[in-house]
Amino acid sequence: MSWMPLQFTLADPDNGIIYVFYDDNQAVYGRISGLPEGMIDYQLIENIRNTQSIYRFIERYYQGPSSPEPAGPAGRDVLRLPYGDQNLKLRQIGSMLHGLIYEEKIPIKDICILVGCSLEQSEVYNAGRIGAYQLTNELSDSEQSVFITTVQDFKGLERSVVIVTELEGIGDELAQAVYYVAFSRAKHHLIVVAEDVSKFDFRV
């Protein structure tokens, strides 16, 4: 990557300051490389996105010299739901959506579904709708459709409630980064719907 075009956007290209924020743990497309020479490295020491419950859940996927401290509220427990086939998977997600939207009165725009495969391969996305809820991969503030996308495409974004599913086909070489990105997108409530929840079944 060439940093020179960015440097020349500065009012003073020779003496201006560039801040680069990055997280190697989110390298779902490969490790970052080629940072400009002479940059001073500072580690951010607080996590201000996730509740403490969510952060303790994702902490095991963090790789670094020291783990940031969660500064958010305690929050609710991470929910893990198993499924044995496609129909049960859709029923589990549909039941959660109904509870979140109609019982807890959480706006649809604050909820998203993330899948660990491409949308073309996703049984959830290709269902088109789950119960009363239409699915869309168009990022908007719609109150009519539930947003669904891939973990990779949602990197850098966040929602109050995140449902993560279809994690079974992820290779070992990407598992750490994909799990870390997927689970850390949730600010207040994380729901993991997996064929084998035992791999995510630990106390937080």
N, C-alpha and C. Protein backbone atom coordinates (compact mmCIF):
# COMPACT_ATOMS: atom_id res chain seq x y z
N MET A 1 0.84 -1.19 0.00
CA MET A 1 0.00 0.00 0.00
C MET A 1 0.88 1.25 0.00
N SER A 2 0.56 2.21 -0.87
CA SER A 2 1.30 3.46 -0.91
C SER A 2 0.60 4.50 -0.04
N TRP A 3 1.37 5.09 0.88
CA TRP A 3 0.82 6.11 1.78
C TRP A 3 1.02 7.52 1.23
N MET A 4 1.76 7.66 0.13
CA MET A 4 2.08 8.99 -0.38
C MET A 4 0.84 9.80 -0.78
N PRO A 5 -0.15 9.20 -1.46
CA PRO A 5 -1.34 10.01 -1.80
C PRO A 5 -2.04 10.57 -0.56
N LEU A 6 -2.10 9.78 0.52
CA LEU A 6 -2.70 10.27 1.75
C LEU A 6 -1.88 11.40 2.35
N GLN A 7 -0.57 11.25 2.30
CA GLN A 7 0.31 12.28 2.85
C GLN A 7 0.09 13.61 2.13
N PHE A 8 -0.13 13.57 0.82
CA PHE A 8 -0.27 14.81 0.06
C PHE A 8 -1.65 15.45 0.20
N THR A 9 -2.55 14.82 0.95
CA THR A 9 -3.82 15.48 1.26
C THR A 9 -3.66 16.42 2.45
N LEU A 10 -2.54 16.33 3.16
CA LEU A 10 -2.29 17.19 4.31
C LEU A 10 -1.94 18.61 3.87
N ALA A 11 -2.29 19.58 4.69
CA ALA A 11 -1.92 20.97 4.39
C ALA A 11 -0.41 21.13 4.35
N ASP A 12 0.28 20.35 5.19
CA ASP A 12 1.75 20.37 5.22
C ASP A 12 2.24 18.93 5.09
N PRO A 13 2.42 18.45 3.85
CA PRO A 13 2.78 17.04 3.63
C PRO A 13 4.05 16.61 4.35
N ASP A 14 4.99 17.52 4.54
CA ASP A 14 6.26 17.14 5.16
C ASP A 14 6.18 17.07 6.69
N ASN A 15 5.36 17.90 7.28
CA ASN A 15 5.33 17.98 8.74
C ASN A 15 3.96 17.68 9.34
N GLY A 16 2.98 17.35 8.49
CA GLY A 16 1.65 17.04 9.00
C GLY A 16 1.63 15.71 9.75
N ILE A 17 0.53 15.44 10.43
CA ILE A 17 0.39 14.24 11.26
C ILE A 17 -0.69 13.34 10.68
N ILE A 18 -0.38 12.05 10.58
CA ILE A 18 -1.34 11.04 10.16
C ILE A 18 -1.55 10.07 11.32
N TYR A 19 -2.82 9.83 11.67
CA TYR A 19 -3.16 8.83 12.68
C TYR A 19 -3.70 7.59 11.97
N VAL A 20 -3.16 6.44 12.29
CA VAL A 20 -3.60 5.17 11.71
C VAL A 20 -4.12 4.29 12.83
N PHE A 21 -5.40 3.92 12.75
CA PHE A 21 -5.99 3.03 13.75
C PHE A 21 -6.17 1.65 13.12
N TYR A 22 -5.63 0.64 13.76
CA TYR A 22 -5.77 -0.71 13.21
C TYR A 22 -5.77 -1.73 14.33
N ASP A 23 -6.29 -2.90 14.02
CA ASP A 23 -6.38 -3.99 14.98
C ASP A 23 -6.04 -5.28 14.25
N ASP A 24 -4.88 -5.83 14.53
CA ASP A 24 -4.46 -7.07 13.88
C ASP A 24 -5.42 -8.23 14.12
N ASN A 25 -6.18 -8.16 15.20
CA ASN A 25 -7.12 -9.24 15.52
C ASN A 25 -8.30 -9.29 14.55
N GLN A 26 -8.50 -8.21 13.78
CA GLN A 26 -9.61 -8.18 12.83
C GLN A 26 -9.15 -8.46 11.40
N ALA A 27 -8.02 -9.13 11.25
CA ALA A 27 -7.43 -9.35 9.92
C ALA A 27 -8.12 -10.52 9.21
N VAL A 28 -9.38 -10.32 8.85
CA VAL A 28 -10.13 -11.39 8.17
C VAL A 28 -9.72 -11.53 6.70
N TYR A 29 -8.93 -10.58 6.19
CA TYR A 29 -8.43 -10.66 4.82
C TYR A 29 -6.90 -10.82 4.78
N GLY A 30 -6.27 -11.07 5.94
CA GLY A 30 -4.82 -11.16 6.00
C GLY A 30 -4.25 -10.06 6.88
N ARG A 31 -3.02 -10.24 7.31
CA ARG A 31 -2.39 -9.31 8.23
C ARG A 31 -2.01 -7.99 7.56
N ILE A 32 -2.14 -6.90 8.32
CA ILE A 32 -1.76 -5.58 7.82
C ILE A 32 -0.24 -5.49 7.70
N SER A 33 0.22 -4.80 6.71
CA SER A 33 1.66 -4.65 6.52
C SER A 33 1.93 -3.31 5.85
N GLY A 34 3.17 -2.86 5.92
CA GLY A 34 3.57 -1.67 5.19
C GLY A 34 3.18 -0.36 5.83
N LEU A 35 3.13 -0.28 7.17
CA LEU A 35 2.88 1.01 7.80
C LEU A 35 4.04 1.94 7.53
N PRO A 36 3.79 3.24 7.42
CA PRO A 36 4.88 4.18 7.12
C PRO A 36 5.98 4.12 8.17
N GLU A 37 7.20 4.34 7.74
CA GLU A 37 8.33 4.35 8.67
C GLU A 37 8.23 5.55 9.60
N GLY A 38 8.73 5.35 10.82
CA GLY A 38 8.80 6.45 11.78
C GLY A 38 7.53 6.68 12.57
N MET A 39 6.52 5.84 12.38
CA MET A 39 5.30 6.01 13.14
C MET A 39 5.50 5.53 14.58
N ILE A 40 4.88 6.21 15.52
CA ILE A 40 4.96 5.84 16.93
C ILE A 40 3.73 5.01 17.28
N ASP A 41 3.95 3.86 17.89
CA ASP A 41 2.89 2.90 18.17
C ASP A 41 2.35 3.10 19.58
N TYR A 42 1.03 3.32 19.69
CA TYR A 42 0.36 3.41 20.98
C TYR A 42 -0.73 2.34 21.05
N GLN A 43 -0.81 1.65 22.17
CA GLN A 43 -1.86 0.66 22.34
C GLN A 43 -3.05 1.29 23.06
N LEU A 44 -4.24 1.12 22.48
CA LEU A 44 -5.46 1.58 23.15
C LEU A 44 -5.80 0.61 24.27
N ILE A 45 -6.08 1.12 25.45
CA ILE A 45 -6.16 0.25 26.63
C ILE A 45 -7.58 0.02 27.14
N GLU A 46 -8.58 0.62 26.48
CA GLU A 46 -9.95 0.42 26.91
C GLU A 46 -10.83 -0.03 25.75
N ASN A 47 -11.76 -0.91 26.05
CA ASN A 47 -12.80 -1.30 25.11
C ASN A 47 -14.07 -0.56 25.51
N ILE A 48 -14.55 0.32 24.64
CA ILE A 48 -15.73 1.12 24.97
C ILE A 48 -16.93 0.77 24.10
N ARG A 49 -16.84 -0.29 23.30
CA ARG A 49 -17.96 -0.71 22.46
C ARG A 49 -18.84 -1.73 23.18
N ASN A 50 -18.26 -2.76 23.73
CA ASN A 50 -19.01 -3.91 24.21
C ASN A 50 -19.29 -3.85 25.71
N THR A 51 -20.36 -4.54 26.11
CA THR A 51 -20.58 -4.74 27.54
C THR A 51 -19.46 -5.64 28.08
N GLN A 52 -19.32 -5.67 29.38
CA GLN A 52 -18.29 -6.53 29.98
C GLN A 52 -18.56 -8.00 29.69
N SER A 53 -19.83 -8.39 29.67
CA SER A 53 -20.18 -9.78 29.39
C SER A 53 -19.74 -10.19 27.98
N ILE A 54 -20.03 -9.33 27.00
CA ILE A 54 -19.63 -9.64 25.63
C ILE A 54 -18.11 -9.65 25.51
N TYR A 55 -17.46 -8.66 26.13
CA TYR A 55 -16.01 -8.62 26.00
C TYR A 55 -15.34 -9.83 26.63
N ARG A 56 -15.82 -10.28 27.77
CA ARG A 56 -15.24 -11.47 28.39
C ARG A 56 -15.43 -12.69 27.51
N PHE A 57 -16.51 -12.69 26.73
CA PHE A 57 -16.76 -13.79 25.80
C PHE A 57 -15.77 -13.78 24.64
N ILE A 58 -15.45 -12.59 24.12
CA ILE A 58 -14.57 -12.51 22.95
C ILE A 58 -13.10 -12.41 23.34
N GLU A 59 -12.83 -12.21 24.62
CA GLU A 59 -11.46 -11.97 25.05
C GLU A 59 -10.52 -13.12 24.69
N ARG A 60 -11.02 -14.34 24.70
CA ARG A 60 -10.18 -15.50 24.39
C ARG A 60 -9.71 -15.50 22.94
N TYR A 61 -10.36 -14.71 22.08
CA TYR A 61 -9.95 -14.63 20.68
C TYR A 61 -9.00 -13.46 20.42
N TYR A 62 -8.74 -12.68 21.46
CA TYR A 62 -7.84 -11.54 21.32
C TYR A 62 -6.39 -12.01 21.43
N GLN A 63 -5.56 -11.55 20.51
CA GLN A 63 -4.14 -11.87 20.54
C GLN A 63 -3.35 -10.57 20.60
N GLY A 64 -2.58 -10.41 21.66
CA GLY A 64 -1.80 -9.19 21.82
C GLY A 64 -1.05 -9.22 23.13
N PRO A 65 -0.18 -8.23 23.34
CA PRO A 65 0.63 -8.21 24.56
C PRO A 65 -0.20 -8.07 25.82
N SER A 66 -1.31 -7.35 25.75
CA SER A 66 -2.20 -7.20 26.89
C SER A 66 -3.59 -6.92 26.38
N SER A 67 -4.57 -7.43 27.10
CA SER A 67 -5.96 -7.28 26.67
C SER A 67 -6.54 -5.97 27.17
N PRO A 68 -7.22 -5.19 26.30
CA PRO A 68 -7.85 -3.95 26.78
C PRO A 68 -8.88 -4.24 27.87
N GLU A 69 -9.11 -3.29 28.72
CA GLU A 69 -10.10 -3.43 29.79
C GLU A 69 -11.46 -2.92 29.30
N PRO A 70 -12.52 -3.70 29.54
CA PRO A 70 -13.86 -3.24 29.13
C PRO A 70 -14.35 -2.12 30.05
N ALA A 71 -14.78 -1.01 29.46
CA ALA A 71 -15.24 0.13 30.24
C ALA A 71 -16.76 0.24 30.28
N GLY A 72 -17.46 -0.67 29.59
CA GLY A 72 -18.91 -0.61 29.53
C GLY A 72 -19.59 -1.23 30.73
N PRO A 73 -20.93 -1.24 30.73
CA PRO A 73 -21.69 -1.86 31.82
C PRO A 73 -21.55 -3.38 31.78
N ALA A 74 -22.00 -4.04 32.85
CA ALA A 74 -21.88 -5.50 32.93
C ALA A 74 -22.62 -6.18 31.79
N GLY A 75 -23.87 -5.77 31.52
CA GLY A 75 -24.63 -6.32 30.40
C GLY A 75 -25.20 -7.69 30.66
N ARG A 76 -25.99 -8.16 29.71
CA ARG A 76 -26.65 -9.46 29.83
C ARG A 76 -25.73 -10.56 29.30
N ASP A 77 -26.02 -11.79 29.70
CA ASP A 77 -25.20 -12.92 29.28
C ASP A 77 -25.29 -13.12 27.77
N VAL A 78 -24.19 -13.59 27.20
CA VAL A 78 -24.19 -13.99 25.80
C VAL A 78 -25.07 -15.24 25.67
N LEU A 79 -25.95 -15.25 24.68
CA LEU A 79 -26.88 -16.36 24.49
C LEU A 79 -26.37 -17.29 23.40
N ARG A 80 -26.35 -18.60 23.68
CA ARG A 80 -25.90 -19.59 22.71
C ARG A 80 -27.04 -20.56 22.44
N LEU A 81 -27.43 -20.69 21.17
CA LEU A 81 -28.55 -21.53 20.79
C LEU A 81 -28.09 -22.57 19.77
N PRO A 82 -28.35 -23.87 20.01
CA PRO A 82 -27.94 -24.91 19.07
C PRO A 82 -29.00 -25.17 18.00
N TYR A 83 -28.57 -25.72 16.88
CA TYR A 83 -29.53 -26.21 15.89
C TYR A 83 -28.97 -27.48 15.25
N GLY A 84 -29.87 -28.33 14.79
CA GLY A 84 -29.44 -29.58 14.16
C GLY A 84 -29.70 -29.62 12.68
N ASP A 85 -30.57 -28.74 12.19
CA ASP A 85 -30.85 -28.68 10.75
C ASP A 85 -31.30 -27.27 10.40
N GLN A 86 -31.51 -27.06 9.10
CA GLN A 86 -31.85 -25.71 8.63
C GLN A 86 -33.15 -25.21 9.24
N ASN A 87 -34.16 -26.07 9.32
CA ASN A 87 -35.45 -25.63 9.83
C ASN A 87 -35.34 -25.16 11.28
N LEU A 88 -34.59 -25.90 12.09
CA LEU A 88 -34.43 -25.50 13.49
C LEU A 88 -33.61 -24.21 13.58
N LYS A 89 -32.62 -24.07 12.72
CA LYS A 89 -31.82 -22.84 12.70
C LYS A 89 -32.71 -21.63 12.43
N LEU A 90 -33.58 -21.72 11.44
CA LEU A 90 -34.47 -20.61 11.10
C LEU A 90 -35.48 -20.37 12.22
N ARG A 91 -35.95 -21.45 12.85
CA ARG A 91 -36.90 -21.27 13.96
C ARG A 91 -36.23 -20.60 15.15
N GLN A 92 -34.99 -20.98 15.44
CA GLN A 92 -34.28 -20.36 16.54
C GLN A 92 -34.11 -18.86 16.31
N ILE A 93 -33.67 -18.51 15.10
CA ILE A 93 -33.47 -17.09 14.78
C ILE A 93 -34.81 -16.35 14.78
N GLY A 94 -35.85 -16.97 14.20
CA GLY A 94 -37.17 -16.35 14.17
C GLY A 94 -37.71 -16.10 15.56
N SER A 95 -37.52 -17.07 16.45
CA SER A 95 -37.98 -16.91 17.83
C SER A 95 -37.25 -15.77 18.52
N MET A 96 -35.94 -15.66 18.29
CA MET A 96 -35.18 -14.58 18.89
C MET A 96 -35.63 -13.23 18.35
N LEU A 97 -35.84 -13.13 17.04
CA LEU A 97 -36.29 -11.86 16.45
C LEU A 97 -37.64 -11.45 17.02
N HIS A 98 -38.54 -12.39 17.16
CA HIS A 98 -39.87 -12.08 17.71
C HIS A 98 -39.74 -11.54 19.13
N GLY A 99 -38.92 -12.20 19.94
CA GLY A 99 -38.74 -11.76 21.32
C GLY A 99 -38.10 -10.39 21.42
N LEU A 100 -37.10 -10.15 20.57
CA LEU A 100 -36.40 -8.86 20.60
C LEU A 100 -37.29 -7.72 20.13
N ILE A 101 -38.01 -7.94 19.03
CA ILE A 101 -38.76 -6.86 18.40
C ILE A 101 -40.11 -6.62 19.07
N TYR A 102 -40.86 -7.70 19.32
CA TYR A 102 -42.22 -7.53 19.84
C TYR A 102 -42.29 -7.52 21.36
N GLU A 103 -41.45 -8.31 22.01
CA GLU A 103 -41.51 -8.38 23.47
C GLU A 103 -40.60 -7.34 24.13
N GLU A 104 -39.37 -7.21 23.62
CA GLU A 104 -38.45 -6.25 24.22
C GLU A 104 -38.52 -4.87 23.57
N LYS A 105 -39.25 -4.77 22.46
CA LYS A 105 -39.46 -3.49 21.78
C LYS A 105 -38.15 -2.86 21.29
N ILE A 106 -37.24 -3.69 20.83
CA ILE A 106 -35.98 -3.21 20.26
C ILE A 106 -36.22 -2.86 18.79
N PRO A 107 -35.88 -1.67 18.35
CA PRO A 107 -36.08 -1.31 16.94
C PRO A 107 -35.34 -2.25 15.99
N ILE A 108 -35.97 -2.58 14.88
CA ILE A 108 -35.35 -3.49 13.91
C ILE A 108 -34.00 -2.95 13.44
N LYS A 109 -33.88 -1.62 13.31
CA LYS A 109 -32.64 -1.04 12.81
C LYS A 109 -31.46 -1.25 13.78
N ASP A 110 -31.75 -1.65 15.01
CA ASP A 110 -30.70 -1.90 15.99
C ASP A 110 -30.26 -3.35 16.04
N ILE A 111 -30.82 -4.17 15.14
CA ILE A 111 -30.54 -5.61 15.13
C ILE A 111 -29.94 -5.99 13.78
N CYS A 112 -28.98 -6.91 13.79
CA CYS A 112 -28.49 -7.46 12.52
C CYS A 112 -28.14 -8.93 12.71
N ILE A 113 -28.10 -9.62 11.58
CA ILE A 113 -27.69 -11.03 11.53
C ILE A 113 -26.40 -11.10 10.74
N LEU A 114 -25.39 -11.75 11.30
CA LEU A 114 -24.12 -11.95 10.61
C LEU A 114 -23.91 -13.43 10.35
N VAL A 115 -23.49 -13.75 9.12
CA VAL A 115 -23.22 -15.15 8.76
C VAL A 115 -21.74 -15.33 8.46
N GLY A 116 -21.24 -16.51 8.77
CA GLY A 116 -19.82 -16.79 8.59
C GLY A 116 -19.45 -17.32 7.23
N CYS A 117 -20.39 -17.30 6.29
CA CYS A 117 -20.13 -17.74 4.92
C CYS A 117 -20.57 -16.62 3.98
N SER A 118 -20.43 -16.83 2.69
CA SER A 118 -20.91 -15.83 1.73
C SER A 118 -22.44 -15.83 1.72
N LEU A 119 -23.03 -14.73 1.28
CA LEU A 119 -24.49 -14.67 1.22
C LEU A 119 -25.03 -15.69 0.22
N GLU A 120 -24.29 -15.96 -0.83
CA GLU A 120 -24.72 -16.94 -1.82
C GLU A 120 -24.83 -18.33 -1.20
N GLN A 121 -23.99 -18.63 -0.21
CA GLN A 121 -23.99 -19.94 0.44
C GLN A 121 -24.88 -19.99 1.67
N SER A 122 -25.37 -18.86 2.10
CA SER A 122 -26.11 -18.79 3.36
C SER A 122 -27.54 -19.29 3.22
N GLU A 123 -27.88 -20.31 4.00
CA GLU A 123 -29.25 -20.80 4.02
C GLU A 123 -30.19 -19.76 4.65
N VAL A 124 -29.69 -19.00 5.60
CA VAL A 124 -30.51 -17.98 6.24
C VAL A 124 -30.84 -16.87 5.24
N TYR A 125 -29.83 -16.33 4.59
CA TYR A 125 -30.07 -15.25 3.63
C TYR A 125 -30.97 -15.71 2.49
N ASN A 126 -30.72 -16.90 1.98
CA ASN A 126 -31.48 -17.39 0.84
C ASN A 126 -32.91 -17.76 1.19
N ALA A 127 -33.22 -17.84 2.49
CA ALA A 127 -34.61 -18.06 2.89
C ALA A 127 -35.46 -16.83 2.57
N GLY A 128 -34.82 -15.65 2.47
CA GLY A 128 -35.55 -14.44 2.10
C GLY A 128 -36.27 -13.77 3.24
N ARG A 129 -36.86 -14.57 4.09
CA ARG A 129 -37.55 -14.06 5.26
C ARG A 129 -37.53 -15.13 6.33
N ILE A 130 -37.65 -14.69 7.57
CA ILE A 130 -37.74 -15.62 8.69
C ILE A 130 -39.01 -15.27 9.45
N GLY A 131 -40.01 -16.14 9.36
CA GLY A 131 -41.29 -15.86 9.98
C GLY A 131 -41.89 -14.59 9.39
N ALA A 132 -42.16 -13.61 10.22
CA ALA A 132 -42.78 -12.36 9.77
C ALA A 132 -41.76 -11.34 9.29
N TYR A 133 -40.48 -11.71 9.29
CA TYR A 133 -39.44 -10.72 9.06
C TYR A 133 -38.75 -10.91 7.72
N GLN A 134 -38.85 -9.88 6.89
CA GLN A 134 -38.13 -9.86 5.63
C GLN A 134 -36.66 -9.59 5.91
N LEU A 135 -35.77 -10.22 5.13
CA LEU A 135 -34.34 -10.01 5.28
C LEU A 135 -33.81 -9.14 4.15
N THR A 136 -32.83 -8.30 4.45
CA THR A 136 -32.22 -7.45 3.43
C THR A 136 -30.73 -7.32 3.69
N ASN A 137 -29.94 -7.22 2.63
CA ASN A 137 -28.52 -6.92 2.81
C ASN A 137 -28.20 -5.47 2.44
N GLU A 138 -29.24 -4.65 2.37
CA GLU A 138 -29.08 -3.22 2.14
C GLU A 138 -28.99 -2.51 3.49
N LEU A 139 -27.87 -1.83 3.73
CA LEU A 139 -27.66 -1.15 5.00
C LEU A 139 -28.50 0.12 5.03
N SER A 140 -29.50 0.16 5.93
CA SER A 140 -30.40 1.31 6.02
C SER A 140 -31.00 1.34 7.42
N ASP A 141 -31.85 2.31 7.66
CA ASP A 141 -32.57 2.42 8.93
C ASP A 141 -33.99 1.91 8.80
N SER A 142 -34.20 0.96 7.90
CA SER A 142 -35.54 0.44 7.67
C SER A 142 -36.11 -0.20 8.93
N GLU A 143 -37.40 0.04 9.17
CA GLU A 143 -38.10 -0.60 10.27
C GLU A 143 -38.93 -1.78 9.77
N GLN A 144 -38.71 -2.16 8.51
CA GLN A 144 -39.50 -3.23 7.92
C GLN A 144 -38.70 -4.50 7.69
N SER A 145 -37.38 -4.38 7.56
CA SER A 145 -36.56 -5.54 7.23
C SER A 145 -35.37 -5.66 8.17
N VAL A 146 -35.00 -6.90 8.45
CA VAL A 146 -33.83 -7.18 9.30
C VAL A 146 -32.59 -7.24 8.42
N PHE A 147 -31.57 -6.52 8.80
CA PHE A 147 -30.33 -6.47 8.03
C PHE A 147 -29.52 -7.74 8.24
N ILE A 148 -29.03 -8.33 7.15
CA ILE A 148 -28.19 -9.52 7.21
C ILE A 148 -27.01 -9.33 6.28
N THR A 149 -25.83 -9.70 6.73
CA THR A 149 -24.63 -9.61 5.90
C THR A 149 -23.58 -10.58 6.42
N THR A 150 -22.42 -10.58 5.78
CA THR A 150 -21.34 -11.47 6.21
C THR A 150 -20.52 -10.80 7.31
N VAL A 151 -19.81 -11.62 8.07
CA VAL A 151 -18.93 -11.10 9.10
C VAL A 151 -17.90 -10.16 8.49
N GLN A 152 -17.29 -10.57 7.38
CA GLN A 152 -16.25 -9.77 6.74
C GLN A 152 -16.77 -8.40 6.31
N ASP A 153 -17.97 -8.35 5.74
CA ASP A 153 -18.50 -7.09 5.24
C ASP A 153 -18.96 -6.15 6.36
N PHE A 154 -19.13 -6.70 7.57
CA PHE A 154 -19.57 -5.87 8.69
C PHE A 154 -18.41 -5.43 9.57
N LYS A 155 -17.20 -5.75 9.17
CA LYS A 155 -16.02 -5.35 9.94
C LYS A 155 -15.96 -3.82 10.01
N GLY A 156 -15.76 -3.31 11.23
CA GLY A 156 -15.72 -1.87 11.44
C GLY A 156 -17.07 -1.27 11.80
N LEU A 157 -18.14 -2.06 11.71
CA LEU A 157 -19.48 -1.57 12.03
C LEU A 157 -19.97 -2.19 13.34
N GLU A 158 -21.15 -1.78 13.80
CA GLU A 158 -21.67 -2.29 15.06
C GLU A 158 -23.18 -2.16 15.08
N ARG A 159 -23.82 -2.95 15.90
CA ARG A 159 -25.25 -2.85 16.17
C ARG A 159 -25.48 -3.16 17.65
N SER A 160 -26.59 -2.70 18.18
CA SER A 160 -26.90 -2.97 19.58
C SER A 160 -27.06 -4.46 19.83
N VAL A 161 -27.75 -5.14 18.92
CA VAL A 161 -27.99 -6.59 19.04
C VAL A 161 -27.48 -7.27 17.78
N VAL A 162 -26.67 -8.31 17.96
CA VAL A 162 -26.12 -9.04 16.82
C VAL A 162 -26.38 -10.53 17.00
N ILE A 163 -26.97 -11.14 15.97
CA ILE A 163 -27.16 -12.59 15.92
C ILE A 163 -26.12 -13.14 14.95
N VAL A 164 -25.25 -14.03 15.42
CA VAL A 164 -24.20 -14.62 14.59
C VAL A 164 -24.53 -16.08 14.34
N THR A 165 -24.45 -16.51 13.08
CA THR A 165 -24.77 -17.89 12.75
C THR A 165 -23.96 -18.36 11.55
N GLU A 166 -24.10 -19.63 11.20
CA GLU A 166 -23.42 -20.26 10.06
C GLU A 166 -21.90 -20.09 10.13
N LEU A 167 -21.34 -20.52 11.25
CA LEU A 167 -19.90 -20.41 11.48
C LEU A 167 -19.16 -21.72 11.17
N GLU A 168 -19.89 -22.72 10.69
CA GLU A 168 -19.31 -24.07 10.60
C GLU A 168 -18.24 -24.23 9.53
N GLY A 169 -18.29 -23.45 8.46
CA GLY A 169 -17.36 -23.66 7.35
C GLY A 169 -16.09 -22.84 7.42
N ILE A 170 -15.82 -22.21 8.53
CA ILE A 170 -14.65 -21.34 8.64
C ILE A 170 -13.40 -22.16 8.90
N GLY A 171 -12.36 -21.97 8.10
CA GLY A 171 -11.11 -22.70 8.25
C GLY A 171 -10.35 -22.26 9.49
N ASP A 172 -9.50 -23.15 9.98
CA ASP A 172 -8.75 -22.87 11.21
C ASP A 172 -7.89 -21.61 11.09
N GLU A 173 -7.38 -21.33 9.89
CA GLU A 173 -6.46 -20.21 9.73
C GLU A 173 -7.16 -18.86 9.88
N LEU A 174 -8.49 -18.83 9.69
CA LEU A 174 -9.24 -17.58 9.80
C LEU A 174 -10.17 -17.55 11.01
N ALA A 175 -10.30 -18.67 11.71
CA ALA A 175 -11.30 -18.78 12.76
C ALA A 175 -11.14 -17.71 13.84
N GLN A 176 -9.92 -17.49 14.31
CA GLN A 176 -9.69 -16.53 15.38
C GLN A 176 -10.17 -15.14 14.97
N ALA A 177 -9.77 -14.69 13.78
CA ALA A 177 -10.13 -13.35 13.33
C ALA A 177 -11.62 -13.22 13.07
N VAL A 178 -12.22 -14.24 12.45
CA VAL A 178 -13.65 -14.18 12.13
C VAL A 178 -14.49 -14.18 13.40
N TYR A 179 -14.16 -15.04 14.35
CA TYR A 179 -14.91 -15.07 15.61
C TYR A 179 -14.77 -13.74 16.34
N TYR A 180 -13.56 -13.21 16.39
CA TYR A 180 -13.32 -11.95 17.09
C TYR A 180 -14.13 -10.82 16.47
N VAL A 181 -14.09 -10.71 15.15
CA VAL A 181 -14.84 -9.65 14.47
C VAL A 181 -16.33 -9.85 14.66
N ALA A 182 -16.82 -11.07 14.45
CA ALA A 182 -18.26 -11.34 14.53
C ALA A 182 -18.82 -11.01 15.90
N PHE A 183 -18.18 -11.50 16.94
CA PHE A 183 -18.72 -11.35 18.28
C PHE A 183 -18.54 -9.94 18.84
N SER A 184 -17.54 -9.23 18.36
CA SER A 184 -17.29 -7.88 18.90
C SER A 184 -18.13 -6.81 18.23
N ARG A 185 -18.96 -7.16 17.23
CA ARG A 185 -19.84 -6.17 16.60
C ARG A 185 -21.02 -5.80 17.49
N ALA A 186 -21.34 -6.64 18.48
CA ALA A 186 -22.51 -6.42 19.34
C ALA A 186 -22.16 -5.48 20.48
N LYS A 187 -22.95 -4.42 20.63
CA LYS A 187 -22.70 -3.48 21.72
C LYS A 187 -23.36 -3.93 23.02
N HIS A 188 -24.61 -4.43 22.93
CA HIS A 188 -25.37 -4.71 24.15
C HIS A 188 -25.78 -6.17 24.31
N HIS A 189 -26.06 -6.85 23.21
CA HIS A 189 -26.53 -8.24 23.32
C HIS A 189 -26.00 -9.05 22.15
N LEU A 190 -25.39 -10.18 22.46
CA LEU A 190 -24.82 -11.09 21.45
C LEU A 190 -25.52 -12.43 21.55
N ILE A 191 -25.97 -12.92 20.39
CA ILE A 191 -26.64 -14.22 20.30
C ILE A 191 -25.90 -15.06 19.27
N VAL A 192 -25.44 -16.23 19.68
CA VAL A 192 -24.71 -17.13 18.79
C VAL A 192 -25.59 -18.35 18.52
N VAL A 193 -25.96 -18.54 17.25
CA VAL A 193 -26.77 -19.68 16.83
C VAL A 193 -25.87 -20.60 16.03
N ALA A 194 -25.50 -21.74 16.61
CA ALA A 194 -24.49 -22.60 15.99
C ALA A 194 -24.92 -24.06 16.04
N GLU A 195 -24.45 -24.81 15.06
CA GLU A 195 -24.74 -26.24 15.04
C GLU A 195 -24.15 -26.94 16.26
N ASP A 196 -22.94 -26.54 16.63
CA ASP A 196 -22.28 -27.09 17.81
C ASP A 196 -21.92 -25.94 18.75
N VAL A 197 -22.79 -25.67 19.72
CA VAL A 197 -22.54 -24.54 20.62
C VAL A 197 -21.52 -24.89 21.69
N SER A 198 -21.15 -26.18 21.80
CA SER A 198 -20.21 -26.57 22.85
C SER A 198 -18.86 -25.87 22.67
N LYS A 199 -18.48 -25.55 21.42
CA LYS A 199 -17.20 -24.86 21.20
C LYS A 199 -17.23 -23.42 21.69
N PHE A 200 -18.45 -22.90 21.91
CA PHE A 200 -18.58 -21.54 22.45
C PHE A 200 -19.19 -21.55 23.85
N ASP A 201 -19.27 -22.73 24.45
CA ASP A 201 -19.96 -22.90 25.73
C ASP A 201 -18.97 -22.81 26.87
N PHE A 202 -18.69 -21.59 27.30
CA PHE A 202 -17.79 -21.39 28.43
C PHE A 202 -18.32 -20.25 29.28
N ARG A 203 -17.91 -20.24 30.51
CA ARG A 203 -18.36 -19.20 31.43
C ARG A 203 -17.63 -17.89 31.10
N VAL A 204 -18.36 -16.78 31.24
CA VAL A 204 -17.77 -15.47 30.97
C VAL A 204 -17.84 -14.62 32.22
